Amino acid sequence: MQRETKAKIEDVLPHYLNNTMLESALDFVAFMRAEKMNPAWAGVHNAWRANSRSKPLCYIRLGKEWIRKTEGVKWVVVLYLDNMDDYAGDVINAGWQSIIWDDLHYCRKPDCPYNCSTVRTKLILGKEFSGLCPTFYNKVNFVNPSKADLEIITRLLEFEREARKRK
């Protein structure tokens, strides 16, 4: 159905979320639209993408089919923080580094769909990580984000978008 209709995310969210989680998700989507980061159907089941400078900035995915941690997953906000080094000081000053560290995208070997030849080691916000996916080392997954998480996500989106504009 979505392939044919390319449903708006606001119309699909109530089928996956309810109560506070639904309200927070709808507020987040409204913020994105107000800031011209319009989530558009991504061409895959239950995923919407917002781009900046012709590159993914954020994905919103509903359901659990795509992520290894499946228990209790209702929705995921995926940030592509390509330029995090440019605003690392802001993240550290706000005390958000552990939130980023906890939600990094690790390689899924041996089930990796990207045929990774090597996993990546990278210094992120002053801490070294190994085993990161070499294709998506800059990706941060927020699973079932709370209202407080979404406030941080909105600031990170703003930081990333501004960093991309300066490049």
C-alpha atoms as a PDB file:
ATOM      1  CA  MET A   1       0.000   0.000   0.000  1.00  0.00           C
ATOM      2  CA  GLN A   2       2.702   2.506   0.917  1.00  0.00           C
ATOM      3  CA  ARG A   3       4.552   1.881  -2.326  1.00  0.00           C
ATOM      4  CA  GLU A   4       1.439   2.938  -4.233  1.00  0.00           C
ATOM      5  CA  THR A   5       0.382   5.829  -2.025  1.00  0.00           C
ATOM      6  CA  LYS A   6       3.665   7.026  -0.517  1.00  0.00           C
ATOM      7  CA  ALA A   7       1.808   7.714   2.709  1.00  0.00           C
ATOM      8  CA  LYS A   8       2.590  10.716   4.854  1.00  0.00           C
ATOM      9  CA  ILE A   9       4.254   9.654   8.058  1.00  0.00           C
ATOM     10  CA  GLU A  10       1.604  11.475  10.117  1.00  0.00           C
ATOM     11  CA  ASP A  11      -1.012   9.131   8.671  1.00  0.00           C
ATOM     12  CA  VAL A  12       0.953   5.982   9.501  1.00  0.00           C
ATOM     13  CA  LEU A  13       2.303   6.823  12.975  1.00  0.00           C
ATOM     14  CA  PRO A  14      -1.038   6.111  14.750  1.00  0.00           C
ATOM     15  CA  HIS A  15      -0.862   2.515  13.495  1.00  0.00           C
ATOM     16  CA  TYR A  16       2.404   1.954  15.400  1.00  0.00           C
ATOM     17  CA  LEU A  17       2.410   4.374  18.324  1.00  0.00           C
ATOM     18  CA  ASN A  18      -0.070   5.589  20.897  1.00  0.00           C
ATOM     19  CA  ASN A  19      -0.459   7.991  23.783  1.00  0.00           C
ATOM     20  CA  THR A  20       2.648   9.964  24.763  1.00  0.00           C
ATOM     21  CA  MET A  21       4.873   8.240  22.220  1.00  0.00           C
ATOM     22  CA  LEU A  22       2.498   9.181  19.385  1.00  0.00           C
ATOM     23  CA  GLU A  23       2.184  12.760  20.597  1.00  0.00           C
ATOM     24  CA  SER A  24       5.969  13.142  20.833  1.00  0.00           C
ATOM     25  CA  ALA A  25       6.484  11.609  17.385  1.00  0.00           C
ATOM     26  CA  LEU A  26       3.896  13.904  15.795  1.00  0.00           C
ATOM     27  CA  ASP A  27       5.496  16.931  17.483  1.00  0.00           C
ATOM     28  CA  PHE A  28       8.880  15.830  16.140  1.00  0.00           C
ATOM     29  CA  VAL A  29       7.553  15.463  12.589  1.00  0.00           C
ATOM     30  CA  ALA A  30       5.892  18.888  12.881  1.00  0.00           C
ATOM     31  CA  PHE A  31       9.246  20.369  13.957  1.00  0.00           C
ATOM     32  CA  MET A  32      10.958  18.750  10.989  1.00  0.00           C
ATOM     33  CA  ARG A  33       8.389  20.130   8.562  1.00  0.00           C
ATOM     34  CA  ALA A  34       8.546  23.611  10.114  1.00  0.00           C
ATOM     35  CA  GLU A  35      12.328  23.570   9.682  1.00  0.00           C
ATOM     36  CA  LYS A  36      12.073  22.399   6.037  1.00  0.00           C
ATOM     37  CA  MET A  37      13.447  18.942   6.874  1.00  0.00           C
ATOM     38  CA  ASN A  38      10.440  17.232   5.354  1.00  0.00           C
ATOM     39  CA  PRO A  39      10.345  13.482   5.928  1.00  0.00           C
ATOM     40  CA  ALA A  40       9.453  11.868   2.614  1.00  0.00           C
ATOM     41  CA  TRP A  41       8.674   8.236   1.953  1.00  0.00           C
ATOM     42  CA  ALA A  42      12.059   6.536   1.513  1.00  0.00           C
ATOM     43  CA  GLY A  43      11.041   3.845  -0.937  1.00  0.00           C
ATOM     44  CA  VAL A  44      11.262   1.076   1.627  1.00  0.00           C
ATOM     45  CA  HIS A  45       8.617  -0.287   3.932  1.00  0.00           C
ATOM     46  CA  ASN A  46       7.815   1.990   6.874  1.00  0.00           C
ATOM     47  CA  ALA A  47      10.713   4.416   6.401  1.00  0.00           C
ATOM     48  CA  TRP A  48      10.792   8.149   5.771  1.00  0.00           C
ATOM     49  CA  ARG A  49      13.917  10.173   4.986  1.00  0.00           C
ATOM     50  CA  ALA A  50      14.865  13.813   5.366  1.00  0.00           C
ATOM     51  CA  ASN A  51      17.849  15.011   3.342  1.00  0.00           C
ATOM     52  CA  SER A  52      20.202  17.937   3.691  1.00  0.00           C
ATOM     53  CA  ARG A  53      22.577  18.856   0.893  1.00  0.00           C
ATOM     54  CA  SER A  54      21.361  15.801  -1.069  1.00  0.00           C
ATOM     55  CA  LYS A  55      22.529  13.401   1.643  1.00  0.00           C
ATOM     56  CA  PRO A  56      20.505  11.632   4.334  1.00  0.00           C
ATOM     57  CA  LEU A  57      20.148  13.676   7.499  1.00  0.00           C
ATOM     58  CA  CYS A  58      17.541  11.597   9.270  1.00  0.00           C
ATOM     59  CA  TYR A  59      15.445   8.484   8.788  1.00  0.00           C
ATOM     60  CA  ILE A  60      12.340   7.626  10.752  1.00  0.00           C
ATOM     61  CA  ARG A  61      11.568   3.925  10.725  1.00  0.00           C
ATOM     62  CA  LEU A  62       8.495   2.261  12.148  1.00  0.00           C
ATOM     63  CA  GLY A  63       8.424  -1.302  13.376  1.00  0.00           C
ATOM     64  CA  LYS A  64      11.260  -3.634  14.147  1.00  0.00           C
ATOM     65  CA  GLU A  65      12.032  -5.551  10.991  1.00  0.00           C
ATOM     66  CA  TRP A  66      15.295  -3.795  10.157  1.00  0.00           C
ATOM     67  CA  ILE A  67      17.122  -3.620  13.476  1.00  0.00           C
ATOM     68  CA  ARG A  68      18.785  -6.430  15.457  1.00  0.00           C
ATOM     69  CA  LYS A  69      17.334  -5.288  18.767  1.00  0.00           C
ATOM     70  CA  THR A  70      13.699  -6.109  18.079  1.00  0.00           C
ATOM     71  CA  GLU A  71      12.033  -6.518  21.457  1.00  0.00           C
ATOM     72  CA  GLY A  72       9.761  -3.570  22.148  1.00  0.00           C
ATOM     73  CA  VAL A  73      10.916  -1.542  19.132  1.00  0.00           C
ATOM     74  CA  LYS A  74       8.091   0.638  17.861  1.00  0.00           C
ATOM     75  CA  TRP A  75      10.000   3.365  16.054  1.00  0.00           C
ATOM     76  CA  VAL A  76      13.556   4.517  15.504  1.00  0.00           C
ATOM     77  CA  VAL A  77      15.023   7.902  14.615  1.00  0.00           C
ATOM     78  CA  VAL A  78      18.289   7.440  12.750  1.00  0.00           C
ATOM     79  CA  LEU A  79      20.609  10.448  12.500  1.00  0.00           C
ATOM     80  CA  TYR A  80      23.419  10.750   9.969  1.00  0.00           C
ATOM     81  CA  LEU A  81      25.932  12.932  11.781  1.00  0.00           C
ATOM     82  CA  ASP A  82      28.551  13.242   9.033  1.00  0.00           C
ATOM     83  CA  ASN A  83      30.046  16.412  10.512  1.00  0.00           C
ATOM     84  CA  MET A  84      29.885  15.678  14.231  1.00  0.00           C
ATOM     85  CA  ASP A  85      33.489  16.770  14.697  1.00  0.00           C
ATOM     86  CA  ASP A  86      32.407  20.308  13.725  1.00  0.00           C
ATOM     87  CA  TYR A  87      30.050  20.595  16.706  1.00  0.00           C
ATOM     88  CA  ALA A  88      31.633  18.097  19.108  1.00  0.00           C
ATOM     89  CA  GLY A  89      32.265  20.898  21.617  1.00  0.00           C
ATOM     90  CA  ASP A  90      28.545  21.706  21.724  1.00  0.00           C
ATOM     91  CA  VAL A  91      27.663  18.045  22.255  1.00  0.00           C
ATOM     92  CA  ILE A  92      30.253  17.618  25.011  1.00  0.00           C
ATOM     93  CA  ASN A  93      29.263  20.891  26.723  1.00  0.00           C
ATOM     94  CA  ALA A  94      25.641  19.727  26.754  1.00  0.00           C
ATOM     95  CA  GLY A  95      26.726  16.359  28.218  1.00  0.00           C
ATOM     96  CA  TRP A  96      25.205  14.346  25.374  1.00  0.00           C
ATOM     97  CA  GLN A  97      28.252  12.273  24.435  1.00  0.00           C
ATOM     98  CA  SER A  98      27.091   9.161  26.316  1.00  0.00           C
ATOM     99  CA  ILE A  99      23.742   9.332  24.505  1.00  0.00           C
ATOM    100  CA  ILE A 100      25.609   9.276  21.185  1.00  0.00           C
ATOM    101  CA  TRP A 101      28.009   6.561  22.347  1.00  0.00           C
ATOM    102  CA  ASP A 102      25.126   4.335  23.490  1.00  0.00           C
ATOM    103  CA  ASP A 103      23.362   4.556  20.121  1.00  0.00           C
ATOM    104  CA  LEU A 104      26.178   4.099  17.566  1.00  0.00           C
ATOM    105  CA  HIS A 105      25.711   1.715  14.635  1.00  0.00           C
ATOM    106  CA  TYR A 106      27.890  -1.381  14.943  1.00  0.00           C
ATOM    107  CA  CYS A 107      28.665  -3.834  12.163  1.00  0.00           C
ATOM    108  CA  ARG A 108      26.257  -6.761  12.004  1.00  0.00           C
ATOM    109  CA  LYS A 109      28.774  -9.354  10.806  1.00  0.00           C
ATOM    110  CA  PRO A 110      28.217 -12.067   9.767  1.00  0.00           C
ATOM    111  CA  ASP A 111      24.737 -10.841   8.765  1.00  0.00           C
ATOM    112  CA  CYS A 112      25.938  -7.549   7.286  1.00  0.00           C
ATOM    113  CA  PRO A 113      24.000  -6.699   4.115  1.00  0.00           C
ATOM    114  CA  TYR A 114      26.754  -4.307   2.967  1.00  0.00           C
ATOM    115  CA  ASN A 115      29.500  -6.927   2.530  1.00  0.00           C
ATOM    116  CA  CYS A 116      31.875  -5.061   4.803  1.00  0.00           C
ATOM    117  CA  SER A 117      35.447  -6.152   4.428  1.00  0.00           C
ATOM    118  CA  THR A 118      36.592  -4.524   7.653  1.00  0.00           C
ATOM    119  CA  VAL A 119      34.926  -2.908  10.576  1.00  0.00           C
ATOM    120  CA  ARG A 120      35.913   0.601  11.480  1.00  0.00           C
ATOM    121  CA  THR A 121      37.622   2.072  14.522  1.00  0.00           C
ATOM    122  CA  LYS A 122      36.851   5.727  15.065  1.00  0.00           C
ATOM    123  CA  LEU A 123      37.350   8.408  17.681  1.00  0.00           C
ATOM    124  CA  ILE A 124      33.918   9.843  18.507  1.00  0.00           C
ATOM    125  CA  LEU A 125      33.589  12.686  20.981  1.00  0.00           C
ATOM    126  CA  GLY A 126      36.896  11.812  22.619  1.00  0.00           C
ATOM    127  CA  LYS A 127      36.322   8.059  22.940  1.00  0.00           C
ATOM    128  CA  GLU A 128      37.614   5.343  20.598  1.00  0.00           C
ATOM    129  CA  PHE A 129      35.162   2.771  19.270  1.00  0.00           C
ATOM    130  CA  SER A 130      35.915  -0.347  17.280  1.00  0.00           C
ATOM    131  CA  GLY A 131      33.519  -2.602  15.455  1.00  0.00           C
ATOM    132  CA  LEU A 132      31.576   0.247  13.895  1.00  0.00           C
ATOM    133  CA  CYS A 133      29.971  -0.348  10.530  1.00  0.00           C
ATOM    134  CA  PRO A 134      32.309   1.088   7.888  1.00  0.00           C
ATOM    135  CA  THR A 135      29.315   2.087   5.779  1.00  0.00           C
ATOM    136  CA  PHE A 136      27.357   3.784   8.559  1.00  0.00           C
ATOM    137  CA  TYR A 137      29.946   4.678  11.218  1.00  0.00           C
ATOM    138  CA  ASN A 138      28.391   8.152  11.457  1.00  0.00           C
ATOM    139  CA  LYS A 139      24.887   6.821  12.094  1.00  0.00           C
ATOM    140  CA  VAL A 140      23.204   7.092  15.487  1.00  0.00           C
ATOM    141  CA  ASN A 141      20.046   5.070  16.212  1.00  0.00           C
ATOM    142  CA  PHE A 142      17.562   6.332  18.785  1.00  0.00           C
ATOM    143  CA  VAL A 143      15.187   3.446  19.554  1.00  0.00           C
ATOM    144  CA  ASN A 144      11.771   4.471  20.915  1.00  0.00           C
ATOM    145  CA  PRO A 145      13.020   7.992  21.690  1.00  0.00           C
ATOM    146  CA  SER A 146      11.418   9.775  24.632  1.00  0.00           C
ATOM    147  CA  LYS A 147      10.346  13.412  24.577  1.00  0.00           C
ATOM    148  CA  ALA A 148      13.682  14.322  26.222  1.00  0.00           C
ATOM    149  CA  ASP A 149      15.569  12.285  23.568  1.00  0.00           C
ATOM    150  CA  LEU A 150      13.646  14.098  20.826  1.00  0.00           C
ATOM    151  CA  GLU A 151      14.732  17.464  22.228  1.00  0.00           C
ATOM    152  CA  ILE A 152      18.352  16.332  21.922  1.00  0.00           C
ATOM    153  CA  ILE A 153      17.697  14.894  18.464  1.00  0.00           C
ATOM    154  CA  THR A 154      16.261  18.218  17.260  1.00  0.00           C
ATOM    155  CA  ARG A 155      19.378  20.072  18.447  1.00  0.00           C
ATOM    156  CA  LEU A 156      21.659  17.485  16.817  1.00  0.00           C
ATOM    157  CA  LEU A 157      19.731  17.853  13.550  1.00  0.00           C
ATOM    158  CA  GLU A 158      20.155  21.619  13.738  1.00  0.00           C
ATOM    159  CA  PHE A 159      23.893  21.292  14.449  1.00  0.00           C
ATOM    160  CA  GLU A 160      24.379  18.846  11.575  1.00  0.00           C
ATOM    161  CA  ARG A 161      22.373  20.905   9.109  1.00  0.00           C
ATOM    162  CA  GLU A 162      24.332  24.059   9.965  1.00  0.00           C
ATOM    163  CA  ALA A 163      27.636  22.183   9.649  1.00  0.00           C
ATOM    164  CA  ARG A 164      26.617  20.949   6.197  1.00  0.00           C
ATOM    165  CA  LYS A 165      25.721  24.470   5.097  1.00  0.00           C
ATOM    166  CA  ARG A 166      29.226  25.678   6.020  1.00  0.00           C
ATOM    167  CA  LYS A 167      30.908  23.035   3.852  1.00  0.00           C
END
